[in-house]
C-alpha atoms as a PDB file:
ATOM      1  CA  MET A   1      20.654 -29.851  21.606  1.00  0.00           C
ATOM      2  CA  SER A   2      20.753 -31.873  18.476  1.00  0.00           C
ATOM      3  CA  ASP A   3      21.026 -30.374  14.992  1.00  0.00           C
ATOM      4  CA  LYS A   4      19.177 -33.347  13.546  1.00  0.00           C
ATOM      5  CA  PRO A   5      15.944 -32.544  11.714  1.00  0.00           C
ATOM      6  CA  LYS A   6      12.754 -33.224  13.603  1.00  0.00           C
ATOM      7  CA  LYS A   7      10.699 -36.205  12.581  1.00  0.00           C
ATOM      8  CA  TYR A   8       7.002 -35.623  12.126  1.00  0.00           C
ATOM      9  CA  SER A   9       4.587 -38.497  12.416  1.00  0.00           C
ATOM     10  CA  ASN A  10       1.580 -36.575  11.072  1.00  0.00           C
ATOM     11  CA  LEU A  11       1.434 -35.396   7.496  1.00  0.00           C
ATOM     12  CA  ILE A  12      -0.785 -32.499   6.477  1.00  0.00           C
ATOM     13  CA  ASP A  13      -3.859 -33.840   4.764  1.00  0.00           C
ATOM     14  CA  THR A  14      -5.668 -32.287   1.800  1.00  0.00           C
ATOM     15  CA  GLU A  15      -8.406 -30.812   3.995  1.00  0.00           C
ATOM     16  CA  ASP A  16      -5.826 -28.910   6.066  1.00  0.00           C
ATOM     17  CA  ILE A  17      -4.168 -27.599   2.901  1.00  0.00           C
ATOM     18  CA  ASP A  18      -7.536 -26.443   1.550  1.00  0.00           C
ATOM     19  CA  LYS A  19      -8.289 -24.683   4.854  1.00  0.00           C
ATOM     20  CA  LEU A  20      -4.888 -22.996   4.716  1.00  0.00           C
ATOM     21  CA  LYS A  21      -5.518 -21.870   1.128  1.00  0.00           C
ATOM     22  CA  GLU A  22      -8.875 -20.357   2.112  1.00  0.00           C
ATOM     23  CA  TYR A  23      -7.281 -18.630   5.094  1.00  0.00           C
ATOM     24  CA  LEU A  24      -4.554 -17.144   2.900  1.00  0.00           C
ATOM     25  CA  LYS A  25      -7.104 -15.962   0.320  1.00  0.00           C
ATOM     26  CA  ALA A  26      -9.088 -14.219   3.061  1.00  0.00           C
ATOM     27  CA  LEU A  27      -5.892 -12.731   4.491  1.00  0.00           C
ATOM     28  CA  ASP A  28      -4.907 -11.508   1.034  1.00  0.00           C
ATOM     29  CA  LYS A  29      -8.293  -9.752   0.696  1.00  0.00           C
ATOM     30  CA  ASP A  30      -7.861  -8.166   4.132  1.00  0.00           C
ATOM     31  CA  VAL A  31      -4.405  -6.886   3.228  1.00  0.00           C
ATOM     32  CA  ALA A  32      -5.729  -5.518  -0.082  1.00  0.00           C
ATOM     33  CA  ASN A  33      -8.561  -3.765   1.773  1.00  0.00           C
ATOM     34  CA  ILE A  34      -6.096  -2.180   4.209  1.00  0.00           C
ATOM     35  CA  ILE A  35      -3.890  -0.976   1.351  1.00  0.00           C
ATOM     36  CA  ASN A  36      -6.905   0.459  -0.491  1.00  0.00           C
ATOM     37  CA  TYR A  37      -7.991   2.215   2.709  1.00  0.00           C
ATOM     38  CA  LEU A  38      -4.554   3.720   3.281  1.00  0.00           C
ATOM     39  CA  ASP A  39      -4.374   4.897  -0.348  1.00  0.00           C
ATOM     40  CA  ARG A  40      -7.328   7.198   0.382  1.00  0.00           C
ATOM     41  CA  PHE A  41      -5.167   9.349   2.635  1.00  0.00           C
ATOM     42  CA  PRO A  42      -3.192  12.074   0.871  1.00  0.00           C
ATOM     43  CA  ARG A  43       0.555  11.512   0.856  1.00  0.00           C
ATOM     44  CA  GLN A  44       2.916  14.317   1.778  1.00  0.00           C
ATOM     45  CA  PHE A  45       5.936  15.333  -0.264  1.00  0.00           C
ATOM     46  CA  GLU A  46       8.655  17.904   0.352  1.00  0.00           C
ATOM     47  CA  GLN A  47      10.902  18.256  -2.667  1.00  0.00           C
ATOM     48  CA  SER A  48      11.818  20.728  -5.383  1.00  0.00           C
ATOM     49  CA  ALA A  49      10.135  18.967  -8.325  1.00  0.00           C
ATOM     50  CA  GLU A  50       6.411  18.301  -8.524  1.00  0.00           C
ATOM     51  CA  PRO A  51       5.824  14.628  -7.686  1.00  0.00           C
ATOM     52  CA  THR A  52       3.845  12.424 -10.035  1.00  0.00           C
ATOM     53  CA  ILE A  53       1.186  10.688  -7.979  1.00  0.00           C
ATOM     54  CA  GLN A  54      -0.715   7.497  -8.677  1.00  0.00           C
ATOM     55  CA  ARG A  55      -4.012   7.500 -10.523  1.00  0.00           C
ATOM     56  CA  ASN A  56      -7.057   8.390  -8.370  1.00  0.00           C
ATOM     57  CA  THR A  57      -5.007   9.597  -5.384  1.00  0.00           C
ATOM     58  CA  GLN A  58      -4.309  12.916  -3.668  1.00  0.00           C
ATOM     59  CA  ALA A  59      -1.211  14.476  -2.160  1.00  0.00           C
ATOM     60  CA  VAL A  60       0.082  17.595  -0.456  1.00  0.00           C
ATOM     61  CA  TRP A  61       3.363  18.868  -1.842  1.00  0.00           C
ATOM     62  CA  ARG A  62       5.644  21.477  -0.300  1.00  0.00           C
ATOM     63  CA  ASP A  63       8.038  22.877  -2.858  1.00  0.00           C
ATOM     64  CA  SER A  64      11.387  22.949  -1.075  1.00  0.00           C
ATOM     65  CA  ASP A  65      12.686  25.673  -3.429  1.00  0.00           C
ATOM     66  CA  ASP A  66      10.136  28.375  -2.568  1.00  0.00           C
ATOM     67  CA  GLY A  67       8.135  26.907   0.363  1.00  0.00           C
ATOM     68  CA  LYS A  68       4.801  27.037  -1.498  1.00  0.00           C
ATOM     69  CA  ILE A  69       2.297  24.310  -0.691  1.00  0.00           C
ATOM     70  CA  TYR A  70       0.097  22.588  -3.262  1.00  0.00           C
ATOM     71  CA  PHE A  71      -2.768  20.121  -3.217  1.00  0.00           C
ATOM     72  CA  LEU A  72      -2.379  17.525  -5.982  1.00  0.00           C
ATOM     73  CA  THR A  73      -5.006  15.172  -7.317  1.00  0.00           C
ATOM     74  CA  ASN A  74      -4.858  12.603 -10.077  1.00  0.00           C
ATOM     75  CA  ILE A  75      -8.246  11.819 -11.574  1.00  0.00           C
ATOM     76  CA  SER A  76      -8.185   9.018 -14.121  1.00  0.00           C
ATOM     77  CA  GLY A  77      -4.605   9.791 -15.084  1.00  0.00           C
ATOM     78  CA  ASN A  78      -4.967  13.604 -15.245  1.00  0.00           C
ATOM     79  CA  GLN A  79      -2.887  15.246 -12.525  1.00  0.00           C
ATOM     80  CA  LYS A  80      -3.976  18.687 -11.332  1.00  0.00           C
ATOM     81  CA  LYS A  81      -2.544  20.995  -8.684  1.00  0.00           C
ATOM     82  CA  VAL A  82      -3.880  23.910  -6.682  1.00  0.00           C
ATOM     83  CA  GLU A  83      -1.677  26.254  -4.688  1.00  0.00           C
ATOM     84  CA  LEU A  84      -2.744  26.568  -1.061  1.00  0.00           C
ATOM     85  CA  THR A  85      -2.440  29.930   0.625  1.00  0.00           C
END
């Protein structure tokens, strides 16, 4: 096998580049939609300190010090917690 670079006879034309750009834009939207979908699911934490969660998300937190479980929600930047029994 040769370590020489391959020679390409065909260059990518502007139309191909534009198609690639459109494909990547659509892919970017799909990835953003998947991330937004996954953000709807509550995250789970197990630690001693109350976690600070992102705006407009929910979480379940188990306090590793005392074993209590809490539901956390952050609505427009205001984080609230409720102890679950």
